[in-house]
Structures are given as structure tokens and as C-alpha cells.
Amino acid sequence: MTQTKSKVLVFEKVPTKGFKLEVFDARIRRAKIPGGWLVTIRDEGVTFVPDPKHEWDGASLT
């Protein structure tokens, strides 16, 4: 019997500073997917951020 490798969606924490909810652990996370990122805040919803080359390092622009 051949086992197939299970694929999973992996979210990583995005460090924050000055975010109103950080006291409650803002838990902003992102997952690399084809064409960009899936981003979630406190597991309340998900949004797609287009970034085909995955250049976003998680930081804000200054």
C-alpha cells in the first residue's frame, strides 16, 4: 500500500507592534499560497493579499 503525503495549509505568526488588540494576542497569521498570502486576524476571517513573488516579509512599509 502506498502512502500519500498529506498536504496542509501552514500559517505563520506575523509580529505586530502598536496593534490595538496586541494585549489580547492579536494573532495575525499568514499562509503562503499560489499568487499571494492568506491573512487572518484572531481567526475571525481570512483575506487574500496578492503577492505572486511572495516578496512581503510581513513588515509594514516605512
N, C-alpha and C. Protein backbone atom coordinates (compact mmCIF):
# COMPACT_ATOMS: atom_id res chain seq x y z
N MET A 1 0.84 -1.17 0.00
CA MET A 1 0.00 0.00 0.00
C MET A 1 0.90 1.25 0.00
N THR A 2 0.63 2.19 -0.90
CA THR A 2 1.40 3.42 -1.00
C THR A 2 0.74 4.52 -0.17
N GLN A 3 1.54 5.17 0.67
CA GLN A 3 1.02 6.28 1.45
C GLN A 3 1.26 7.58 0.70
N THR A 4 0.26 8.45 0.70
CA THR A 4 0.41 9.75 0.09
C THR A 4 0.68 10.76 1.19
N LYS A 5 1.55 11.72 0.89
CA LYS A 5 1.89 12.75 1.86
C LYS A 5 0.71 13.71 2.00
N SER A 6 0.27 13.91 3.21
CA SER A 6 -0.84 14.82 3.47
C SER A 6 -0.38 16.27 3.31
N LYS A 7 -1.17 17.05 2.59
CA LYS A 7 -0.85 18.46 2.40
C LYS A 7 -1.67 19.27 3.38
N VAL A 8 -1.04 20.26 3.97
CA VAL A 8 -1.72 21.11 4.95
C VAL A 8 -1.44 22.58 4.64
N LEU A 9 -2.33 23.43 5.10
CA LEU A 9 -2.16 24.87 4.99
C LEU A 9 -1.43 25.32 6.25
N VAL A 10 -0.24 25.92 6.09
CA VAL A 10 0.59 26.30 7.23
C VAL A 10 0.55 27.81 7.42
N PHE A 11 0.06 28.24 8.58
CA PHE A 11 0.03 29.66 8.92
C PHE A 11 1.21 29.99 9.82
N GLU A 12 1.82 31.16 9.59
CA GLU A 12 2.90 31.63 10.45
C GLU A 12 2.48 32.95 11.09
N LYS A 13 2.96 33.20 12.29
CA LYS A 13 2.61 34.42 13.02
C LYS A 13 3.31 35.61 12.38
N VAL A 14 2.58 36.72 12.25
CA VAL A 14 3.13 37.97 11.77
C VAL A 14 3.32 38.87 12.99
N PRO A 15 4.56 39.21 13.36
CA PRO A 15 4.79 40.04 14.54
C PRO A 15 4.13 41.42 14.38
N THR A 16 3.55 41.93 15.46
CA THR A 16 2.89 43.23 15.41
C THR A 16 3.41 44.13 16.53
N LYS A 17 3.26 45.43 16.30
CA LYS A 17 3.61 46.43 17.31
C LYS A 17 2.62 47.58 17.15
N GLY A 18 2.00 47.99 18.26
CA GLY A 18 1.07 49.10 18.21
C GLY A 18 -0.32 48.72 17.77
N PHE A 19 -0.59 47.45 17.62
CA PHE A 19 -1.91 46.99 17.19
C PHE A 19 -2.83 46.98 18.40
N LYS A 20 -3.99 47.55 18.26
CA LYS A 20 -4.91 47.73 19.38
C LYS A 20 -5.20 46.42 20.13
N LEU A 21 -5.24 45.32 19.42
CA LEU A 21 -5.60 44.05 20.05
C LEU A 21 -4.39 43.25 20.54
N GLU A 22 -3.17 43.82 20.44
CA GLU A 22 -1.99 43.03 20.80
C GLU A 22 -2.00 42.61 22.26
N VAL A 23 -2.69 43.35 23.12
CA VAL A 23 -2.79 42.97 24.52
C VAL A 23 -3.46 41.60 24.65
N PHE A 24 -4.36 41.31 23.74
CA PHE A 24 -5.08 40.05 23.76
C PHE A 24 -4.49 39.04 22.78
N ASP A 25 -3.24 39.23 22.42
CA ASP A 25 -2.56 38.37 21.44
C ASP A 25 -3.28 38.47 20.10
N ALA A 26 -2.93 39.48 19.33
CA ALA A 26 -3.60 39.79 18.07
C ALA A 26 -3.67 38.59 17.13
N ARG A 27 -2.69 37.75 17.18
CA ARG A 27 -2.66 36.55 16.36
C ARG A 27 -2.93 36.84 14.88
N ILE A 28 -2.13 37.70 14.34
CA ILE A 28 -2.18 37.92 12.89
C ILE A 28 -1.28 36.85 12.28
N ARG A 29 -1.85 36.09 11.37
CA ARG A 29 -1.10 34.99 10.76
C ARG A 29 -1.28 35.02 9.25
N ARG A 30 -0.31 34.44 8.56
CA ARG A 30 -0.38 34.38 7.10
C ARG A 30 0.06 33.00 6.63
N ALA A 31 -0.47 32.61 5.49
CA ALA A 31 -0.09 31.35 4.86
C ALA A 31 0.24 31.62 3.39
N LYS A 32 1.36 31.11 2.95
CA LYS A 32 1.79 31.28 1.55
C LYS A 32 0.96 30.34 0.68
N ILE A 33 0.31 30.92 -0.33
CA ILE A 33 -0.46 30.14 -1.29
C ILE A 33 -0.09 30.63 -2.69
N PRO A 34 -0.44 29.89 -3.72
CA PRO A 34 -0.13 30.34 -5.07
C PRO A 34 -0.73 31.73 -5.33
N GLY A 35 0.12 32.66 -5.75
CA GLY A 35 -0.34 34.01 -6.10
C GLY A 35 -0.34 35.01 -4.97
N GLY A 36 -0.03 34.58 -3.74
CA GLY A 36 -0.02 35.53 -2.64
C GLY A 36 -0.12 34.88 -1.27
N TRP A 37 -0.85 35.55 -0.39
CA TRP A 37 -0.96 35.13 1.01
C TRP A 37 -2.43 35.09 1.44
N LEU A 38 -2.75 34.16 2.33
CA LEU A 38 -4.00 34.21 3.07
C LEU A 38 -3.64 34.79 4.43
N VAL A 39 -4.35 35.83 4.86
CA VAL A 39 -4.06 36.50 6.13
C VAL A 39 -5.30 36.44 7.01
N THR A 40 -5.09 36.13 8.28
CA THR A 40 -6.19 36.07 9.24
C THR A 40 -5.81 36.81 10.52
N ILE A 41 -6.80 37.42 11.16
CA ILE A 41 -6.62 38.10 12.44
C ILE A 41 -7.53 37.44 13.45
N ARG A 42 -6.93 36.90 14.48
CA ARG A 42 -7.65 36.27 15.58
C ARG A 42 -8.65 35.22 15.09
N ASP A 43 -8.35 34.57 14.00
CA ASP A 43 -9.21 33.50 13.47
C ASP A 43 -10.64 33.97 13.20
N GLU A 44 -10.81 35.27 12.95
CA GLU A 44 -12.14 35.84 12.73
C GLU A 44 -12.52 35.92 11.26
N GLY A 45 -11.57 35.83 10.40
CA GLY A 45 -11.84 35.93 8.98
C GLY A 45 -10.55 35.78 8.21
N VAL A 46 -10.67 35.64 6.91
CA VAL A 46 -9.49 35.45 6.06
C VAL A 46 -9.59 36.39 4.88
N THR A 47 -8.45 36.96 4.50
CA THR A 47 -8.40 37.78 3.30
C THR A 47 -7.20 37.35 2.45
N PHE A 48 -7.30 37.58 1.16
CA PHE A 48 -6.22 37.25 0.24
C PHE A 48 -5.42 38.50 -0.06
N VAL A 49 -4.11 38.41 0.05
CA VAL A 49 -3.21 39.51 -0.29
C VAL A 49 -2.41 39.07 -1.51
N PRO A 50 -2.64 39.70 -2.67
CA PRO A 50 -1.90 39.29 -3.86
C PRO A 50 -0.41 39.63 -3.74
N ASP A 51 0.44 38.69 -4.01
CA ASP A 51 1.88 38.86 -3.97
C ASP A 51 2.50 37.66 -4.70
N PRO A 52 2.42 37.66 -6.04
CA PRO A 52 2.83 36.49 -6.82
C PRO A 52 4.25 36.00 -6.54
N LYS A 53 5.16 36.91 -6.19
CA LYS A 53 6.55 36.51 -5.94
C LYS A 53 6.83 36.29 -4.45
N HIS A 54 5.81 36.42 -3.62
CA HIS A 54 5.95 36.26 -2.17
C HIS A 54 7.08 37.13 -1.62
N GLU A 55 7.05 38.41 -1.99
CA GLU A 55 8.08 39.36 -1.55
C GLU A 55 7.77 39.98 -0.20
N TRP A 56 6.53 39.93 0.24
CA TRP A 56 6.15 40.54 1.52
C TRP A 56 6.80 39.77 2.66
N ASP A 57 7.58 40.48 3.46
CA ASP A 57 8.27 39.84 4.58
C ASP A 57 7.47 39.92 5.88
N GLY A 58 6.27 40.43 5.81
CA GLY A 58 5.42 40.54 6.99
C GLY A 58 5.47 41.90 7.65
N ALA A 59 6.40 42.74 7.24
CA ALA A 59 6.56 44.06 7.84
C ALA A 59 5.73 45.11 7.09
N SER A 60 5.48 46.22 7.78
CA SER A 60 4.82 47.37 7.16
C SER A 60 5.82 48.16 6.34
N LEU A 61 5.33 48.88 5.36
CA LEU A 61 6.20 49.78 4.61
C LEU A 61 6.47 51.00 5.46
N THR A 62 7.67 51.52 5.37
CA THR A 62 8.01 52.72 6.17
C THR A 62 8.16 53.93 5.29
